[in-house]
Amino acid sequence: MNPLEKVTAGMTAEKLVSVTSEMTVGHVVPGMPAVYGTPMMILHMEMAAGSAVQPFLPAGHVSVGMMVNIRHLAATPVGRTVRAVARVIAIEGRSILFEVEAWDGDRKIGDGTHRRGVVDVAEFERRFGVTTPVAEMA
């Protein structure tokens, strides 16, 4: 069975977050501005992408990030709401390519592409020697 047989181009999802001080580059790197950090923006884009396809994957399968090609276009201060959006643009083998964007209101603050691979969780954990399965951590 192809784990991507129910995934199609055009599937979308969003992730809304309110920017907190812990999400700023200044929180992680002393002396840097207290604005939404690029790694957090990428995380939220990845979360949106995963949400777009997870309901359509077989039981026991998840998507994992493989590649990001992102531009961070504008600073966003603490307290603003960021909307990360992901849209499937291609399915290639066992991976999915997404177009991703991040918005602060009507202002685009980031864009790019993101690729996710689909894995069988149990097989993946065995392959990489994970000793505490995800189910036990919950």
N, C-alpha and C. Protein backbone atom coordinates (compact mmCIF):
# COMPACT_ATOMS: atom_id res chain seq x y z
N MET A 1 0.84 -1.20 0.00
CA MET A 1 0.00 0.00 0.00
C MET A 1 0.87 1.25 0.00
N ASN A 2 0.53 2.20 -0.83
CA ASN A 2 1.23 3.47 -0.88
C ASN A 2 0.67 4.38 0.22
N PRO A 3 1.50 4.78 1.19
CA PRO A 3 0.97 5.60 2.29
C PRO A 3 0.50 6.99 1.85
N LEU A 4 0.82 7.39 0.62
CA LEU A 4 0.43 8.71 0.14
C LEU A 4 -0.76 8.66 -0.83
N GLU A 5 -1.40 7.50 -0.96
CA GLU A 5 -2.46 7.38 -1.96
C GLU A 5 -3.65 8.31 -1.72
N LYS A 6 -3.86 8.77 -0.48
CA LYS A 6 -4.98 9.67 -0.19
C LYS A 6 -4.57 11.15 -0.11
N VAL A 7 -3.29 11.42 -0.32
CA VAL A 7 -2.78 12.80 -0.27
C VAL A 7 -2.83 13.37 -1.68
N THR A 8 -3.38 14.59 -1.80
CA THR A 8 -3.50 15.22 -3.12
C THR A 8 -3.01 16.67 -3.10
N ALA A 9 -2.59 17.14 -4.26
CA ALA A 9 -2.19 18.54 -4.39
C ALA A 9 -3.38 19.42 -4.03
N GLY A 10 -3.08 20.52 -3.36
CA GLY A 10 -4.11 21.47 -2.96
C GLY A 10 -4.54 21.35 -1.50
N MET A 11 -4.21 20.24 -0.84
CA MET A 11 -4.56 20.11 0.59
C MET A 11 -3.85 21.22 1.35
N THR A 12 -4.56 21.85 2.31
CA THR A 12 -3.99 22.96 3.05
C THR A 12 -4.28 22.84 4.54
N ALA A 13 -3.50 23.55 5.32
CA ALA A 13 -3.75 23.69 6.75
C ALA A 13 -3.06 24.96 7.22
N GLU A 14 -3.53 25.45 8.37
CA GLU A 14 -2.95 26.66 8.97
C GLU A 14 -2.61 26.38 10.42
N LYS A 15 -1.65 27.13 10.93
CA LYS A 15 -1.27 27.11 12.34
C LYS A 15 -1.26 28.55 12.80
N LEU A 16 -2.12 28.87 13.78
CA LEU A 16 -2.16 30.22 14.35
C LEU A 16 -1.40 30.23 15.67
N VAL A 17 -0.54 31.22 15.86
CA VAL A 17 0.20 31.35 17.12
C VAL A 17 0.26 32.82 17.51
N SER A 18 0.21 33.04 18.79
CA SER A 18 0.43 34.37 19.32
C SER A 18 1.90 34.44 19.73
N VAL A 19 2.63 35.40 19.20
CA VAL A 19 4.07 35.49 19.46
C VAL A 19 4.32 35.83 20.92
N THR A 20 5.09 34.96 21.58
CA THR A 20 5.48 35.17 22.98
C THR A 20 6.96 35.53 23.03
N SER A 21 7.42 36.00 24.17
CA SER A 21 8.83 36.36 24.29
C SER A 21 9.74 35.15 24.10
N GLU A 22 9.23 33.94 24.45
CA GLU A 22 10.03 32.73 24.27
C GLU A 22 10.24 32.37 22.80
N MET A 23 9.44 32.95 21.91
CA MET A 23 9.55 32.69 20.47
C MET A 23 10.48 33.67 19.77
N THR A 24 11.07 34.58 20.52
CA THR A 24 11.90 35.60 19.89
C THR A 24 13.36 35.18 19.82
N VAL A 25 14.04 35.73 18.84
CA VAL A 25 15.47 35.47 18.70
C VAL A 25 16.22 36.03 19.92
N GLY A 26 15.73 37.14 20.48
CA GLY A 26 16.36 37.73 21.66
C GLY A 26 16.28 36.84 22.89
N HIS A 27 15.31 35.96 22.94
CA HIS A 27 15.18 35.03 24.07
C HIS A 27 16.29 33.98 24.02
N VAL A 28 16.71 33.63 22.82
CA VAL A 28 17.70 32.58 22.64
C VAL A 28 19.12 33.13 22.51
N VAL A 29 19.25 34.29 21.87
CA VAL A 29 20.56 34.88 21.63
C VAL A 29 20.61 36.25 22.30
N PRO A 30 21.33 36.36 23.41
CA PRO A 30 21.41 37.66 24.10
C PRO A 30 21.86 38.78 23.18
N GLY A 31 21.21 39.92 23.33
CA GLY A 31 21.56 41.09 22.55
C GLY A 31 20.82 41.21 21.22
N MET A 32 20.10 40.17 20.85
CA MET A 32 19.34 40.22 19.60
C MET A 32 17.95 40.80 19.87
N PRO A 33 17.28 41.29 18.83
CA PRO A 33 15.96 41.91 19.02
C PRO A 33 14.91 40.92 19.51
N ALA A 34 13.95 41.43 20.23
CA ALA A 34 12.84 40.62 20.76
C ALA A 34 11.73 40.54 19.72
N VAL A 35 12.03 39.88 18.60
CA VAL A 35 11.05 39.67 17.52
C VAL A 35 11.01 38.18 17.19
N TYR A 36 9.90 37.77 16.60
CA TYR A 36 9.65 36.38 16.19
C TYR A 36 10.86 35.83 15.45
N GLY A 37 11.39 34.73 15.95
CA GLY A 37 12.58 34.14 15.37
C GLY A 37 12.32 33.27 14.15
N THR A 38 13.25 33.26 13.24
CA THR A 38 13.13 32.44 12.03
C THR A 38 12.93 30.96 12.35
N PRO A 39 13.68 30.38 13.30
CA PRO A 39 13.44 28.95 13.60
C PRO A 39 12.01 28.68 14.08
N MET A 40 11.41 29.60 14.81
CA MET A 40 10.03 29.42 15.26
C MET A 40 9.07 29.51 14.08
N MET A 41 9.33 30.43 13.16
CA MET A 41 8.48 30.55 11.98
C MET A 41 8.53 29.26 11.17
N ILE A 42 9.74 28.72 11.00
CA ILE A 42 9.88 27.46 10.26
C ILE A 42 9.15 26.33 10.99
N LEU A 43 9.28 26.26 12.30
CA LEU A 43 8.56 25.24 13.07
C LEU A 43 7.06 25.33 12.83
N HIS A 44 6.52 26.53 12.87
CA HIS A 44 5.07 26.69 12.69
C HIS A 44 4.65 26.36 11.26
N MET A 45 5.48 26.67 10.28
CA MET A 45 5.21 26.27 8.90
C MET A 45 5.20 24.74 8.79
N GLU A 46 6.18 24.09 9.43
CA GLU A 46 6.25 22.63 9.41
C GLU A 46 5.03 22.01 10.09
N MET A 47 4.60 22.61 11.19
CA MET A 47 3.42 22.09 11.90
C MET A 47 2.17 22.20 11.02
N ALA A 48 2.03 23.30 10.30
CA ALA A 48 0.90 23.45 9.39
C ALA A 48 0.96 22.39 8.29
N ALA A 49 2.14 22.17 7.74
CA ALA A 49 2.30 21.18 6.67
C ALA A 49 1.93 19.78 7.18
N GLY A 50 2.42 19.41 8.35
CA GLY A 50 2.08 18.10 8.91
C GLY A 50 0.60 17.95 9.13
N SER A 51 -0.04 19.00 9.61
CA SER A 51 -1.50 18.97 9.86
C SER A 51 -2.30 18.81 8.57
N ALA A 52 -1.77 19.32 7.47
CA ALA A 52 -2.50 19.24 6.20
C ALA A 52 -2.68 17.80 5.72
N VAL A 53 -1.72 16.93 6.04
CA VAL A 53 -1.76 15.58 5.50
C VAL A 53 -1.98 14.47 6.52
N GLN A 54 -1.73 14.74 7.80
CA GLN A 54 -1.81 13.67 8.80
C GLN A 54 -3.13 12.89 8.77
N PRO A 55 -4.29 13.54 8.65
CA PRO A 55 -5.55 12.78 8.65
C PRO A 55 -5.68 11.81 7.46
N PHE A 56 -4.85 11.96 6.44
CA PHE A 56 -4.95 11.16 5.23
C PHE A 56 -3.88 10.08 5.14
N LEU A 57 -3.04 9.97 6.19
CA LEU A 57 -2.01 8.94 6.21
C LEU A 57 -2.54 7.69 6.92
N PRO A 58 -2.02 6.52 6.55
CA PRO A 58 -2.46 5.29 7.22
C PRO A 58 -2.07 5.30 8.70
N ALA A 59 -2.79 4.53 9.50
CA ALA A 59 -2.47 4.39 10.92
C ALA A 59 -1.00 3.98 11.06
N GLY A 60 -0.32 4.58 12.04
CA GLY A 60 1.07 4.25 12.29
C GLY A 60 2.07 5.01 11.45
N HIS A 61 1.60 5.87 10.55
CA HIS A 61 2.48 6.66 9.70
C HIS A 61 2.40 8.14 10.09
N VAL A 62 3.51 8.83 9.94
CA VAL A 62 3.58 10.28 10.16
C VAL A 62 4.46 10.88 9.07
N SER A 63 4.36 12.20 8.94
CA SER A 63 5.27 12.89 8.03
C SER A 63 6.34 13.58 8.86
N VAL A 64 7.55 13.57 8.34
CA VAL A 64 8.69 14.20 9.02
C VAL A 64 9.37 15.17 8.07
N GLY A 65 9.87 16.27 8.63
CA GLY A 65 10.52 17.28 7.81
C GLY A 65 11.81 16.77 7.20
N MET A 66 12.02 17.13 5.93
CA MET A 66 13.23 16.72 5.20
C MET A 66 14.01 17.90 4.63
N MET A 67 13.29 18.99 4.31
CA MET A 67 13.95 20.10 3.65
C MET A 67 13.13 21.36 3.88
N VAL A 68 13.83 22.47 4.09
CA VAL A 68 13.17 23.77 4.13
C VAL A 68 13.96 24.75 3.27
N ASN A 69 13.24 25.58 2.55
CA ASN A 69 13.83 26.65 1.74
C ASN A 69 12.94 27.87 2.01
N ILE A 70 13.32 28.64 3.02
CA ILE A 70 12.44 29.67 3.58
C ILE A 70 13.11 31.03 3.54
N ARG A 71 12.28 32.06 3.25
CA ARG A 71 12.72 33.46 3.39
C ARG A 71 11.94 34.06 4.54
N HIS A 72 12.62 34.74 5.44
CA HIS A 72 11.96 35.50 6.52
C HIS A 72 11.98 36.95 6.06
N LEU A 73 10.79 37.49 5.77
CA LEU A 73 10.69 38.77 5.08
C LEU A 73 10.51 39.99 5.96
N ALA A 74 9.97 39.80 7.18
CA ALA A 74 9.69 40.96 8.03
C ALA A 74 9.65 40.55 9.49
N ALA A 75 9.99 41.48 10.35
CA ALA A 75 9.98 41.24 11.80
C ALA A 75 8.56 41.31 12.34
N THR A 76 8.31 40.50 13.38
CA THR A 76 7.00 40.50 14.04
C THR A 76 7.23 40.60 15.54
N PRO A 77 6.66 41.61 16.19
CA PRO A 77 6.87 41.77 17.63
C PRO A 77 6.01 40.83 18.48
N VAL A 78 6.38 40.73 19.74
CA VAL A 78 5.62 39.95 20.72
C VAL A 78 4.19 40.48 20.78
N GLY A 79 3.24 39.55 20.91
CA GLY A 79 1.84 39.91 21.03
C GLY A 79 1.06 39.82 19.73
N ARG A 80 1.75 39.81 18.60
CA ARG A 80 1.06 39.71 17.31
C ARG A 80 0.68 38.25 17.05
N THR A 81 -0.32 38.04 16.22
CA THR A 81 -0.73 36.70 15.82
C THR A 81 -0.14 36.38 14.46
N VAL A 82 0.53 35.24 14.39
CA VAL A 82 1.11 34.76 13.13
C VAL A 82 0.26 33.61 12.63
N ARG A 83 0.00 33.63 11.33
CA ARG A 83 -0.74 32.54 10.67
C ARG A 83 0.20 31.89 9.67
N ALA A 84 0.60 30.63 9.98
CA ALA A 84 1.43 29.85 9.06
C ALA A 84 0.51 28.99 8.21
N VAL A 85 0.74 28.99 6.92
CA VAL A 85 -0.11 28.29 5.96
C VAL A 85 0.75 27.34 5.14
N ALA A 86 0.25 26.13 4.91
CA ALA A 86 0.95 25.16 4.07
C ALA A 86 -0.03 24.58 3.06
N ARG A 87 0.44 24.41 1.82
CA ARG A 87 -0.39 23.84 0.76
C ARG A 87 0.43 22.82 -0.01
N VAL A 88 -0.12 21.61 -0.16
CA VAL A 88 0.56 20.56 -0.94
C VAL A 88 0.63 21.00 -2.40
N ILE A 89 1.85 20.97 -2.97
CA ILE A 89 1.99 21.31 -4.38
C ILE A 89 2.48 20.13 -5.22
N ALA A 90 3.05 19.09 -4.58
CA ALA A 90 3.49 17.91 -5.34
C ALA A 90 3.68 16.73 -4.41
N ILE A 91 3.42 15.55 -4.95
CA ILE A 91 3.71 14.29 -4.25
C ILE A 91 4.72 13.57 -5.13
N GLU A 92 5.88 13.24 -4.54
CA GLU A 92 6.97 12.63 -5.31
C GLU A 92 7.52 11.46 -4.52
N GLY A 93 7.25 10.25 -4.98
CA GLY A 93 7.70 9.07 -4.26
C GLY A 93 7.04 9.00 -2.90
N ARG A 94 7.85 8.97 -1.84
CA ARG A 94 7.32 8.94 -0.47
C ARG A 94 7.45 10.30 0.21
N SER A 95 7.52 11.36 -0.59
CA SER A 95 7.62 12.69 0.01
C SER A 95 6.60 13.65 -0.59
N ILE A 96 6.34 14.71 0.16
CA ILE A 96 5.33 15.70 -0.20
C ILE A 96 6.01 17.07 -0.19
N LEU A 97 5.79 17.83 -1.25
CA LEU A 97 6.33 19.18 -1.33
C LEU A 97 5.21 20.18 -1.05
N PHE A 98 5.49 21.12 -0.16
CA PHE A 98 4.53 22.14 0.25
C PHE A 98 5.03 23.52 -0.14
N GLU A 99 4.09 24.39 -0.46
CA GLU A 99 4.33 25.82 -0.51
C GLU A 99 3.92 26.33 0.86
N VAL A 100 4.78 27.13 1.50
CA VAL A 100 4.47 27.62 2.84
C VAL A 100 4.59 29.14 2.89
N GLU A 101 3.76 29.72 3.74
CA GLU A 101 3.79 31.17 3.96
C GLU A 101 3.50 31.44 5.43
N ALA A 102 3.95 32.59 5.89
CA ALA A 102 3.59 33.07 7.23
C ALA A 102 3.12 34.51 7.09
N TRP A 103 2.08 34.83 7.86
CA TRP A 103 1.43 36.14 7.77
C TRP A 103 1.28 36.75 9.16
N ASP A 104 1.48 38.05 9.24
CA ASP A 104 1.18 38.87 10.42
C ASP A 104 0.08 39.82 9.95
N GLY A 105 -1.18 39.44 10.21
CA GLY A 105 -2.30 40.19 9.67
C GLY A 105 -2.31 40.04 8.16
N ASP A 106 -2.32 41.17 7.44
CA ASP A 106 -2.33 41.10 5.97
C ASP A 106 -0.92 41.28 5.38
N ARG A 107 0.08 41.20 6.24
CA ARG A 107 1.47 41.37 5.81
C ARG A 107 2.18 40.02 5.78
N LYS A 108 2.69 39.63 4.61
CA LYS A 108 3.44 38.37 4.51
C LYS A 108 4.80 38.57 5.18
N ILE A 109 5.13 37.67 6.10
CA ILE A 109 6.41 37.77 6.81
C ILE A 109 7.38 36.65 6.44
N GLY A 110 6.88 35.64 5.71
CA GLY A 110 7.76 34.55 5.30
C GLY A 110 7.13 33.72 4.21
N ASP A 111 7.99 33.08 3.39
CA ASP A 111 7.49 32.17 2.38
C ASP A 111 8.59 31.21 1.95
N GLY A 112 8.18 30.20 1.19
CA GLY A 112 9.15 29.24 0.68
C GLY A 112 8.53 27.90 0.42
N THR A 113 9.38 26.87 0.44
CA THR A 113 8.92 25.50 0.25
C THR A 113 9.43 24.62 1.38
N HIS A 114 8.72 23.52 1.57
CA HIS A 114 9.06 22.57 2.63
C HIS A 114 8.71 21.17 2.12
N ARG A 115 9.61 20.24 2.32
CA ARG A 115 9.37 18.85 1.93
C ARG A 115 9.29 17.97 3.17
N ARG A 116 8.29 17.08 3.16
CA ARG A 116 8.11 16.11 4.25
C ARG A 116 8.10 14.70 3.68
N GLY A 117 8.75 13.79 4.38
CA GLY A 117 8.73 12.38 4.03
C GLY A 117 7.74 11.66 4.91
N VAL A 118 7.20 10.56 4.43
CA VAL A 118 6.25 9.77 5.20
C VAL A 118 6.94 8.50 5.66
N VAL A 119 6.83 8.24 6.97
CA VAL A 119 7.48 7.06 7.56
C VAL A 119 6.49 6.28 8.41
N ASP A 120 6.75 4.99 8.51
CA ASP A 120 6.07 4.12 9.46
C ASP A 120 6.80 4.33 10.79
N VAL A 121 6.10 4.81 11.81
CA VAL A 121 6.74 5.20 13.07
C VAL A 121 7.51 4.03 13.70
N ALA A 122 6.89 2.87 13.82
CA ALA A 122 7.55 1.73 14.47
C ALA A 122 8.82 1.33 13.72
N GLU A 123 8.72 1.27 12.39
CA GLU A 123 9.89 0.92 11.57
C GLU A 123 10.98 1.98 11.70
N PHE A 124 10.59 3.23 11.67
CA PHE A 124 11.52 4.35 11.80
C PHE A 124 12.27 4.29 13.13
N GLU A 125 11.52 4.08 14.22
CA GLU A 125 12.14 4.01 15.54
C GLU A 125 13.10 2.83 15.65
N ARG A 126 12.71 1.66 15.11
CA ARG A 126 13.59 0.49 15.12
C ARG A 126 14.87 0.79 14.34
N ARG A 127 14.71 1.40 13.18
CA ARG A 127 15.85 1.69 12.29
C ARG A 127 16.88 2.60 12.95
N PHE A 128 16.39 3.57 13.73
CA PHE A 128 17.30 4.54 14.32
C PHE A 128 17.57 4.32 15.81
N GLY A 129 17.15 3.17 16.33
CA GLY A 129 17.48 2.81 17.70
C GLY A 129 16.78 3.62 18.77
N VAL A 130 15.58 4.10 18.47
CA VAL A 130 14.81 4.84 19.49
C VAL A 130 14.42 3.85 20.58
N THR A 131 14.77 4.16 21.82
CA THR A 131 14.51 3.22 22.91
C THR A 131 13.26 3.55 23.71
N THR A 132 12.75 4.77 23.59
CA THR A 132 11.50 5.16 24.24
C THR A 132 10.50 5.54 23.16
N PRO A 133 9.64 4.60 22.77
CA PRO A 133 8.66 4.91 21.72
C PRO A 133 7.80 6.10 22.09
N VAL A 134 7.37 6.83 21.07
CA VAL A 134 6.53 8.02 21.24
C VAL A 134 5.35 7.73 22.14
N ALA A 135 4.69 6.60 21.96
CA ALA A 135 3.49 6.27 22.75
C ALA A 135 3.77 6.25 24.24
N GLU A 136 4.98 5.86 24.64
CA GLU A 136 5.32 5.81 26.06
C GLU A 136 5.60 7.19 26.65
N MET A 137 5.97 8.15 25.80
CA MET A 137 6.29 9.49 26.29
C MET A 137 5.04 10.32 26.57
N ALA A 138 3.93 9.94 25.99
CA ALA A 138 2.69 10.73 26.14
C ALA A 138 2.09 10.61 27.51
